[in-house]
């Protein structure tokens, strides 16, 4: 029995894994661009990117980058199949639509706030089923590292859900301060982030 840890003998690396992720990314970035949410419901789980193309003043640089083609995602996310976290993923039937459902939920959240509209967003998505569903988290993480999307890395809270009854002592998220309107967020009683600081961090992210 060893008395110390030899990192060379404990650390696994795989060029094949990186190659598979890169293959998935190439597929993702040439996939069709859709409105948010897509016009048709569809089954499956996977990863997605959201692109802003509207007139909100603090996102003007992102909208300009996305005028001709969706190049700069504002958010990257994932939707997993039922049983995924417990390792019990089975066949996803036509009525199991976690990826579409997540995109539709985002559109609904955006349309609740005062200064954004879902029709100013576009999305890309990649369905990962069967054994490929094991790549969902890895692909999401790769996209976030590569693009550092604003809503993943600077303006936190877009993907938050209502905390439920009796749990509203927390503060509003940065996203809800910048984009007021979600009814449940208005009930949060904690000290919220300062708007001017959020805007300053957006400018820093833009100029980095």
C-alpha atoms as a PDB file:
ATOM      1  CA  UNK A   1       0.000   0.000   0.000  1.00  0.00           C
ATOM      2  CA  UNK A   2       1.524   3.369  -1.033  1.00  0.00           C
ATOM      3  CA  UNK A   3       2.321   5.912   1.662  1.00  0.00           C
ATOM      4  CA  UNK A   4       2.160   8.943  -0.672  1.00  0.00           C
ATOM      5  CA  UNK A   5       0.265  10.081  -3.738  1.00  0.00           C
ATOM      6  CA  UNK A   6       2.052   9.896  -7.082  1.00  0.00           C
ATOM      7  CA  UNK A   7       0.143  12.377  -9.267  1.00  0.00           C
ATOM      8  CA  UNK A   8       1.444  10.802 -12.481  1.00  0.00           C
ATOM      9  CA  UNK A   9      -0.177   7.520 -11.510  1.00  0.00           C
ATOM     10  CA  UNK A  10      -3.438   9.144 -10.344  1.00  0.00           C
ATOM     11  CA  UNK A  11      -4.143  11.677 -13.096  1.00  0.00           C
ATOM     12  CA  UNK A  12      -6.024  10.563 -16.205  1.00  0.00           C
ATOM     13  CA  UNK A  13      -5.743  12.541 -19.440  1.00  0.00           C
ATOM     14  CA  UNK A  14      -7.171  11.746 -22.858  1.00  0.00           C
ATOM     15  CA  UNK A  15      -6.538  13.347 -26.211  1.00  0.00           C
ATOM     16  CA  UNK A  16      -9.464  11.341 -27.546  1.00  0.00           C
ATOM     17  CA  UNK A  17     -11.830  13.029 -25.084  1.00  0.00           C
ATOM     18  CA  UNK A  18     -10.665  16.494 -26.152  1.00  0.00           C
ATOM     19  CA  UNK A  19     -11.092  15.442 -29.779  1.00  0.00           C
ATOM     20  CA  UNK A  20     -14.693  14.367 -29.138  1.00  0.00           C
ATOM     21  CA  UNK A  21     -15.497  17.671 -27.404  1.00  0.00           C
ATOM     22  CA  UNK A  22     -14.007  19.629 -30.299  1.00  0.00           C
ATOM     23  CA  UNK A  23     -16.042  17.544 -32.752  1.00  0.00           C
ATOM     24  CA  UNK A  24     -19.201  18.355 -30.784  1.00  0.00           C
ATOM     25  CA  UNK A  25     -18.317  22.059 -30.726  1.00  0.00           C
ATOM     26  CA  UNK A  26     -17.820  22.173 -34.490  1.00  0.00           C
ATOM     27  CA  UNK A  27     -21.232  20.572 -34.905  1.00  0.00           C
ATOM     28  CA  UNK A  28     -22.800  23.012 -32.442  1.00  0.00           C
ATOM     29  CA  UNK A  29     -21.424  26.173 -34.020  1.00  0.00           C
ATOM     30  CA  UNK A  30     -22.744  25.368 -37.508  1.00  0.00           C
ATOM     31  CA  UNK A  31     -26.154  24.213 -36.283  1.00  0.00           C
ATOM     32  CA  UNK A  32     -29.168  26.316 -37.381  1.00  0.00           C
ATOM     33  CA  UNK A  33     -30.068  29.522 -35.556  1.00  0.00           C
ATOM     34  CA  UNK A  34     -33.621  29.646 -34.192  1.00  0.00           C
ATOM     35  CA  UNK A  35     -35.851  32.230 -32.529  1.00  0.00           C
ATOM     36  CA  UNK A  36     -36.365  31.960 -28.781  1.00  0.00           C
ATOM     37  CA  UNK A  37     -38.158  29.690 -28.240  1.00  0.00           C
ATOM     38  CA  UNK A  38     -37.903  27.622 -31.435  1.00  0.00           C
ATOM     39  CA  UNK A  39     -41.057  27.523 -33.533  1.00  0.00           C
ATOM     40  CA  UNK A  40     -41.521  23.753 -33.123  1.00  0.00           C
ATOM     41  CA  UNK A  41     -41.487  21.648 -29.989  1.00  0.00           C
ATOM     42  CA  UNK A  42     -38.970  18.782 -30.095  1.00  0.00           C
ATOM     43  CA  UNK A  43     -37.821  15.946 -27.835  1.00  0.00           C
ATOM     44  CA  UNK A  44     -34.382  15.548 -26.335  1.00  0.00           C
ATOM     45  CA  UNK A  45     -31.809  17.000 -23.981  1.00  0.00           C
ATOM     46  CA  UNK A  46     -28.542  18.800 -24.651  1.00  0.00           C
ATOM     47  CA  UNK A  47     -26.807  22.171 -24.585  1.00  0.00           C
ATOM     48  CA  UNK A  48     -27.717  25.563 -25.996  1.00  0.00           C
ATOM     49  CA  UNK A  49     -26.500  29.111 -26.533  1.00  0.00           C
ATOM     50  CA  UNK A  50     -28.570  32.315 -26.415  1.00  0.00           C
ATOM     51  CA  UNK A  51     -27.721  35.402 -28.497  1.00  0.00           C
ATOM     52  CA  UNK A  52     -28.940  38.948 -27.888  1.00  0.00           C
ATOM     53  CA  UNK A  53     -29.742  41.181 -30.877  1.00  0.00           C
ATOM     54  CA  UNK A  54     -31.843  43.969 -29.345  1.00  0.00           C
ATOM     55  CA  UNK A  55     -31.403  47.558 -28.201  1.00  0.00           C
ATOM     56  CA  UNK A  56     -30.686  47.333 -24.454  1.00  0.00           C
ATOM     57  CA  UNK A  57     -27.979  49.941 -23.905  1.00  0.00           C
ATOM     58  CA  UNK A  58     -25.595  47.853 -21.806  1.00  0.00           C
ATOM     59  CA  UNK A  59     -25.649  44.983 -24.331  1.00  0.00           C
ATOM     60  CA  UNK A  60     -25.112  47.091 -27.436  1.00  0.00           C
ATOM     61  CA  UNK A  61     -21.670  45.570 -28.062  1.00  0.00           C
ATOM     62  CA  UNK A  62     -23.176  42.074 -27.995  1.00  0.00           C
ATOM     63  CA  UNK A  63     -26.035  43.003 -30.320  1.00  0.00           C
ATOM     64  CA  UNK A  64     -23.582  44.546 -32.807  1.00  0.00           C
ATOM     65  CA  UNK A  65     -21.483  41.364 -32.809  1.00  0.00           C
ATOM     66  CA  UNK A  66     -24.620  39.325 -33.563  1.00  0.00           C
ATOM     67  CA  UNK A  67     -26.043  41.526 -36.343  1.00  0.00           C
ATOM     68  CA  UNK A  68     -24.942  39.408 -39.295  1.00  0.00           C
ATOM     69  CA  UNK A  69     -24.505  36.057 -37.568  1.00  0.00           C
ATOM     70  CA  UNK A  70     -24.870  34.711 -34.043  1.00  0.00           C
ATOM     71  CA  UNK A  71     -21.264  34.909 -32.853  1.00  0.00           C
ATOM     72  CA  UNK A  72     -21.332  36.099 -29.247  1.00  0.00           C
ATOM     73  CA  UNK A  73     -23.596  34.166 -26.865  1.00  0.00           C
ATOM     74  CA  UNK A  74     -24.917  36.016 -23.852  1.00  0.00           C
ATOM     75  CA  UNK A  75     -25.749  32.746 -22.077  1.00  0.00           C
ATOM     76  CA  UNK A  76     -24.860  29.049 -22.294  1.00  0.00           C
ATOM     77  CA  UNK A  77     -26.940  26.378 -20.622  1.00  0.00           C
ATOM     78  CA  UNK A  78     -27.897  22.741 -20.550  1.00  0.00           C
ATOM     79  CA  UNK A  79     -31.017  20.630 -20.183  1.00  0.00           C
ATOM     80  CA  UNK A  80     -30.595  17.065 -18.953  1.00  0.00           C
ATOM     81  CA  UNK A  81     -32.864  14.047 -19.518  1.00  0.00           C
ATOM     82  CA  UNK A  82     -34.950  12.565 -16.691  1.00  0.00           C
ATOM     83  CA  UNK A  83     -32.854  10.339 -14.433  1.00  0.00           C
ATOM     84  CA  UNK A  84     -29.596  11.840 -15.683  1.00  0.00           C
ATOM     85  CA  UNK A  85     -28.239  12.898 -12.293  1.00  0.00           C
ATOM     86  CA  UNK A  86     -28.966   9.471 -10.820  1.00  0.00           C
ATOM     87  CA  UNK A  87     -27.390   7.666 -13.784  1.00  0.00           C
ATOM     88  CA  UNK A  88     -30.682   6.127 -14.881  1.00  0.00           C
ATOM     89  CA  UNK A  89     -31.052   7.678 -18.334  1.00  0.00           C
ATOM     90  CA  UNK A  90     -33.276   5.661 -20.607  1.00  0.00           C
ATOM     91  CA  UNK A  91     -34.803   6.227 -23.997  1.00  0.00           C
ATOM     92  CA  UNK A  92     -36.199   9.755 -24.348  1.00  0.00           C
ATOM     93  CA  UNK A  93     -39.669   9.568 -25.872  1.00  0.00           C
ATOM     94  CA  UNK A  94     -41.290  12.224 -28.077  1.00  0.00           C
ATOM     95  CA  UNK A  95     -43.110  13.771 -25.108  1.00  0.00           C
ATOM     96  CA  UNK A  96     -39.935  14.246 -23.064  1.00  0.00           C
ATOM     97  CA  UNK A  97     -38.718  17.700 -24.093  1.00  0.00           C
ATOM     98  CA  UNK A  98     -36.263  19.076 -21.500  1.00  0.00           C
ATOM     99  CA  UNK A  99     -34.250  21.114 -23.994  1.00  0.00           C
ATOM    100  CA  UNK A 100     -37.244  22.756 -25.648  1.00  0.00           C
ATOM    101  CA  UNK A 101     -38.812  23.268 -22.232  1.00  0.00           C
ATOM    102  CA  UNK A 102     -35.728  25.059 -20.947  1.00  0.00           C
ATOM    103  CA  UNK A 103     -35.647  27.396 -23.953  1.00  0.00           C
ATOM    104  CA  UNK A 104     -39.363  28.132 -23.579  1.00  0.00           C
ATOM    105  CA  UNK A 105     -38.837  28.846 -19.871  1.00  0.00           C
ATOM    106  CA  UNK A 106     -36.067  31.322 -20.713  1.00  0.00           C
ATOM    107  CA  UNK A 107     -38.331  33.095 -23.199  1.00  0.00           C
ATOM    108  CA  UNK A 108     -41.045  33.377 -20.560  1.00  0.00           C
ATOM    109  CA  UNK A 109     -38.603  34.796 -17.990  1.00  0.00           C
ATOM    110  CA  UNK A 110     -37.285  37.354 -20.453  1.00  0.00           C
ATOM    111  CA  UNK A 111     -40.783  38.478 -21.390  1.00  0.00           C
ATOM    112  CA  UNK A 112     -41.607  39.115 -17.728  1.00  0.00           C
ATOM    113  CA  UNK A 113     -39.006  41.857 -17.301  1.00  0.00           C
ATOM    114  CA  UNK A 114     -39.297  45.527 -18.188  1.00  0.00           C
ATOM    115  CA  UNK A 115     -36.366  46.036 -20.550  1.00  0.00           C
ATOM    116  CA  UNK A 116     -35.943  42.837 -22.596  1.00  0.00           C
ATOM    117  CA  UNK A 117     -38.075  41.001 -25.171  1.00  0.00           C
ATOM    118  CA  UNK A 118     -37.697  37.362 -26.198  1.00  0.00           C
ATOM    119  CA  UNK A 119     -38.054  38.283 -29.872  1.00  0.00           C
ATOM    120  CA  UNK A 120     -34.669  40.049 -29.595  1.00  0.00           C
ATOM    121  CA  UNK A 121     -32.956  36.723 -28.845  1.00  0.00           C
ATOM    122  CA  UNK A 122     -31.795  33.836 -30.999  1.00  0.00           C
ATOM    123  CA  UNK A 123     -30.621  30.383 -29.965  1.00  0.00           C
ATOM    124  CA  UNK A 124     -28.547  27.445 -31.104  1.00  0.00           C
ATOM    125  CA  UNK A 125     -28.836  24.013 -29.564  1.00  0.00           C
ATOM    126  CA  UNK A 126     -27.349  20.546 -29.827  1.00  0.00           C
ATOM    127  CA  UNK A 127     -29.343  17.450 -28.860  1.00  0.00           C
ATOM    128  CA  UNK A 128     -27.309  14.803 -27.043  1.00  0.00           C
ATOM    129  CA  UNK A 129     -29.041  11.477 -26.523  1.00  0.00           C
ATOM    130  CA  UNK A 130     -28.011   7.973 -25.513  1.00  0.00           C
ATOM    131  CA  UNK A 131     -24.391   7.661 -24.458  1.00  0.00           C
ATOM    132  CA  UNK A 132     -23.728  11.131 -25.878  1.00  0.00           C
ATOM    133  CA  UNK A 133     -25.794  12.586 -23.018  1.00  0.00           C
ATOM    134  CA  UNK A 134     -22.677  12.010 -20.884  1.00  0.00           C
ATOM    135  CA  UNK A 135     -21.129  14.919 -22.810  1.00  0.00           C
ATOM    136  CA  UNK A 136     -23.759  17.479 -21.779  1.00  0.00           C
ATOM    137  CA  UNK A 137     -21.891  18.972 -18.826  1.00  0.00           C
ATOM    138  CA  UNK A 138     -18.519  18.812 -20.575  1.00  0.00           C
ATOM    139  CA  UNK A 139     -19.871  20.633 -23.646  1.00  0.00           C
ATOM    140  CA  UNK A 140     -21.576  23.277 -21.517  1.00  0.00           C
ATOM    141  CA  UNK A 141     -18.368  23.887 -19.553  1.00  0.00           C
ATOM    142  CA  UNK A 142     -16.297  24.108 -22.748  1.00  0.00           C
ATOM    143  CA  UNK A 143     -18.668  26.689 -24.269  1.00  0.00           C
ATOM    144  CA  UNK A 144     -18.593  28.808 -21.118  1.00  0.00           C
ATOM    145  CA  UNK A 145     -14.793  28.726 -20.961  1.00  0.00           C
ATOM    146  CA  UNK A 146     -14.494  29.567 -24.651  1.00  0.00           C
ATOM    147  CA  UNK A 147     -17.036  32.403 -24.855  1.00  0.00           C
ATOM    148  CA  UNK A 148     -17.219  33.659 -21.222  1.00  0.00           C
ATOM    149  CA  UNK A 149     -20.879  34.654 -21.818  1.00  0.00           C
ATOM    150  CA  UNK A 150     -22.018  37.699 -19.869  1.00  0.00           C
ATOM    151  CA  UNK A 151     -24.903  36.004 -18.067  1.00  0.00           C
ATOM    152  CA  UNK A 152     -22.717  33.055 -17.031  1.00  0.00           C
ATOM    153  CA  UNK A 153     -19.676  34.967 -15.827  1.00  0.00           C
ATOM    154  CA  UNK A 154     -20.606  38.556 -14.872  1.00  0.00           C
ATOM    155  CA  UNK A 155     -24.357  39.092 -14.471  1.00  0.00           C
ATOM    156  CA  UNK A 156     -25.486  36.236 -12.239  1.00  0.00           C
ATOM    157  CA  UNK A 157     -29.040  34.983 -11.748  1.00  0.00           C
ATOM    158  CA  UNK A 158     -30.709  34.530 -15.141  1.00  0.00           C
ATOM    159  CA  UNK A 159     -31.274  30.817 -14.593  1.00  0.00           C
ATOM    160  CA  UNK A 160     -32.566  31.200 -11.027  1.00  0.00           C
ATOM    161  CA  UNK A 161     -35.978  29.921  -9.991  1.00  0.00           C
ATOM    162  CA  UNK A 162     -38.349  31.143  -7.316  1.00  0.00           C
ATOM    163  CA  UNK A 163     -36.935  30.230  -3.901  1.00  0.00           C
ATOM    164  CA  UNK A 164     -40.348  29.131  -2.628  1.00  0.00           C
ATOM    165  CA  UNK A 165     -42.441  30.202   0.321  1.00  0.00           C
ATOM    166  CA  UNK A 166     -40.527  31.153   3.451  1.00  0.00           C
ATOM    167  CA  UNK A 167     -37.208  31.552   1.611  1.00  0.00           C
ATOM    168  CA  UNK A 168     -37.383  35.143   0.382  1.00  0.00           C
ATOM    169  CA  UNK A 169     -34.814  36.563   2.814  1.00  0.00           C
ATOM    170  CA  UNK A 170     -32.197  36.274   0.075  1.00  0.00           C
ATOM    171  CA  UNK A 171     -31.221  39.210  -2.136  1.00  0.00           C
ATOM    172  CA  UNK A 172     -32.233  39.777  -5.722  1.00  0.00           C
ATOM    173  CA  UNK A 173     -29.692  38.524  -8.198  1.00  0.00           C
ATOM    174  CA  UNK A 174     -27.596  40.849 -10.351  1.00  0.00           C
ATOM    175  CA  UNK A 175     -29.726  39.847 -13.328  1.00  0.00           C
ATOM    176  CA  UNK A 176     -32.945  40.817 -11.542  1.00  0.00           C
ATOM    177  CA  UNK A 177     -31.513  44.180 -10.480  1.00  0.00           C
ATOM    178  CA  UNK A 178     -30.501  44.922 -14.071  1.00  0.00           C
ATOM    179  CA  UNK A 179     -33.740  43.491 -15.490  1.00  0.00           C
ATOM    180  CA  UNK A 180     -36.571  44.094 -12.981  1.00  0.00           C
ATOM    181  CA  UNK A 181     -39.945  42.485 -13.526  1.00  0.00           C
ATOM    182  CA  UNK A 182     -39.927  38.867 -12.361  1.00  0.00           C
ATOM    183  CA  UNK A 183     -42.663  38.820  -9.718  1.00  0.00           C
ATOM    184  CA  UNK A 184     -40.928  36.366  -7.414  1.00  0.00           C
ATOM    185  CA  UNK A 185     -37.671  38.371  -7.513  1.00  0.00           C
ATOM    186  CA  UNK A 186     -39.525  41.485  -6.320  1.00  0.00           C
ATOM    187  CA  UNK A 187     -40.369  39.574  -3.134  1.00  0.00           C
ATOM    188  CA  UNK A 188     -36.704  39.017  -2.198  1.00  0.00           C
ATOM    189  CA  UNK A 189     -35.918  41.053   0.918  1.00  0.00           C
ATOM    190  CA  UNK A 190     -32.114  40.825   1.107  1.00  0.00           C
ATOM    191  CA  UNK A 191     -29.809  43.734   0.284  1.00  0.00           C
ATOM    192  CA  UNK A 192     -29.524  43.689  -3.524  1.00  0.00           C
ATOM    193  CA  UNK A 193     -26.362  44.256  -5.580  1.00  0.00           C
ATOM    194  CA  UNK A 194     -25.725  47.866  -6.605  1.00  0.00           C
ATOM    195  CA  UNK A 195     -26.750  48.644 -10.186  1.00  0.00           C
ATOM    196  CA  UNK A 196     -23.785  50.916 -10.912  1.00  0.00           C
ATOM    197  CA  UNK A 197     -21.389  48.129  -9.893  1.00  0.00           C
ATOM    198  CA  UNK A 198     -23.140  45.647 -12.182  1.00  0.00           C
ATOM    199  CA  UNK A 199     -22.861  48.051 -15.110  1.00  0.00           C
ATOM    200  CA  UNK A 200     -19.177  48.671 -14.337  1.00  0.00           C
ATOM    201  CA  UNK A 201     -18.517  44.926 -14.439  1.00  0.00           C
ATOM    202  CA  UNK A 202     -20.297  44.672 -17.798  1.00  0.00           C
ATOM    203  CA  UNK A 203     -18.036  47.408 -19.190  1.00  0.00           C
ATOM    204  CA  UNK A 204     -14.967  45.630 -17.797  1.00  0.00           C
ATOM    205  CA  UNK A 205     -16.097  42.361 -19.418  1.00  0.00           C
ATOM    206  CA  UNK A 206     -16.721  44.181 -22.723  1.00  0.00           C
ATOM    207  CA  UNK A 207     -13.239  45.757 -22.717  1.00  0.00           C
ATOM    208  CA  UNK A 208     -11.323  42.667 -21.612  1.00  0.00           C
END
